[in-house]
Amino acid sequence: MSSVFSNFLTEIKKIDSQRELIEFQNENIIGSNNWVVDGTLSNTGKPILCNDMHLAW
């Protein structure tokens, strides 16, 4: 894996974790049905992500 791609993934993960922290600071959180399954628990070895399409980002 090239270092450029590796650095890109690292930065994306940082942004994602920061976004999650900001969302949890919102006092008007109404709940969500989002869920994820770790790849070690799926038949393909890949993670499964389910998103709430009815909620706006």
C-alpha atoms as a PDB file:
ATOM      1  CA  MET A   1       0.000   0.000   0.000  1.00  0.00           C
ATOM      2  CA  SER A   2       1.431   3.361  -0.935  1.00  0.00           C
ATOM      3  CA  SER A   3       2.171   5.830   1.833  1.00  0.00           C
ATOM      4  CA  VAL A   4      -0.128   8.392   0.177  1.00  0.00           C
ATOM      5  CA  PHE A   5      -3.072   5.984   0.349  1.00  0.00           C
ATOM      6  CA  SER A   6      -2.173   4.937   3.886  1.00  0.00           C
ATOM      7  CA  ASN A   7      -2.000   8.572   5.032  1.00  0.00           C
ATOM      8  CA  PHE A   8      -5.314   9.288   3.304  1.00  0.00           C
ATOM      9  CA  LEU A   9      -7.035   6.461   5.193  1.00  0.00           C
ATOM     10  CA  THR A  10      -5.548   7.655   8.485  1.00  0.00           C
ATOM     11  CA  GLU A  11      -6.880  11.178   7.937  1.00  0.00           C
ATOM     12  CA  ILE A  12     -10.329   9.910   6.908  1.00  0.00           C
ATOM     13  CA  LYS A  13     -10.528   7.867  10.116  1.00  0.00           C
ATOM     14  CA  LYS A  14      -9.659  10.977  12.152  1.00  0.00           C
ATOM     15  CA  ILE A  15     -12.384  12.997  10.435  1.00  0.00           C
ATOM     16  CA  ASP A  16     -14.913  10.210  10.972  1.00  0.00           C
ATOM     17  CA  SER A  17     -14.189   9.957  14.700  1.00  0.00           C
ATOM     18  CA  GLN A  18     -14.367  13.743  15.101  1.00  0.00           C
ATOM     19  CA  ARG A  19     -17.730  13.825  13.305  1.00  0.00           C
ATOM     20  CA  GLU A  20     -19.091  11.209  15.689  1.00  0.00           C
ATOM     21  CA  LEU A  21     -17.979  13.246  18.706  1.00  0.00           C
ATOM     22  CA  ILE A  22     -19.617  16.392  17.338  1.00  0.00           C
ATOM     23  CA  GLU A  23     -22.878  14.537  16.694  1.00  0.00           C
ATOM     24  CA  PHE A  24     -23.001  13.270  20.273  1.00  0.00           C
ATOM     25  CA  GLN A  25     -22.703  16.830  21.576  1.00  0.00           C
ATOM     26  CA  ASN A  26     -26.080  17.632  20.012  1.00  0.00           C
ATOM     27  CA  GLU A  27     -28.756  17.729  22.735  1.00  0.00           C
ATOM     28  CA  ASN A  28     -31.538  17.037  20.217  1.00  0.00           C
ATOM     29  CA  ILE A  29     -30.456  13.510  19.353  1.00  0.00           C
ATOM     30  CA  ILE A  30     -33.586  11.473  18.709  1.00  0.00           C
ATOM     31  CA  GLY A  31     -31.990   8.086  18.227  1.00  0.00           C
ATOM     32  CA  SER A  32     -31.006   5.988  15.285  1.00  0.00           C
ATOM     33  CA  ASN A  33     -31.203   2.492  13.898  1.00  0.00           C
ATOM     34  CA  ASN A  34     -27.632   2.474  12.551  1.00  0.00           C
ATOM     35  CA  TRP A  35     -25.685  -0.670  13.204  1.00  0.00           C
ATOM     36  CA  VAL A  36     -22.473  -2.359  12.096  1.00  0.00           C
ATOM     37  CA  VAL A  37     -21.130  -5.908  12.267  1.00  0.00           C
ATOM     38  CA  ASP A  38     -17.381  -6.507  12.475  1.00  0.00           C
ATOM     39  CA  GLY A  39     -15.905  -8.382   9.538  1.00  0.00           C
ATOM     40  CA  THR A  40     -14.825 -11.225  11.806  1.00  0.00           C
ATOM     41  CA  LEU A  41     -18.519 -12.037  12.271  1.00  0.00           C
ATOM     42  CA  SER A  42     -19.572 -12.022   8.594  1.00  0.00           C
ATOM     43  CA  ASN A  43     -19.324 -14.859   6.065  1.00  0.00           C
ATOM     44  CA  THR A  44     -17.187 -12.770   3.698  1.00  0.00           C
ATOM     45  CA  GLY A  45     -14.865 -11.350   6.341  1.00  0.00           C
ATOM     46  CA  LYS A  46     -16.000  -7.860   5.404  1.00  0.00           C
ATOM     47  CA  PRO A  47     -17.870  -5.534   7.783  1.00  0.00           C
ATOM     48  CA  ILE A  48     -21.581  -4.904   7.291  1.00  0.00           C
ATOM     49  CA  LEU A  49     -22.915  -1.379   7.770  1.00  0.00           C
ATOM     50  CA  CYS A  50     -26.590  -0.437   7.935  1.00  0.00           C
ATOM     51  CA  ASN A  51     -27.495   3.248   7.770  1.00  0.00           C
ATOM     52  CA  ASP A  52     -30.711   5.122   8.615  1.00  0.00           C
ATOM     53  CA  MET A  53     -31.622   6.443   5.198  1.00  0.00           C
ATOM     54  CA  HIS A  54     -34.617   8.360   6.576  1.00  0.00           C
ATOM     55  CA  LEU A  55     -32.359  10.568   8.727  1.00  0.00           C
ATOM     56  CA  ALA A  56     -30.573  13.517   7.104  1.00  0.00           C
ATOM     57  CA  TRP A  57     -26.831  14.000   7.587  1.00  0.00           C
END
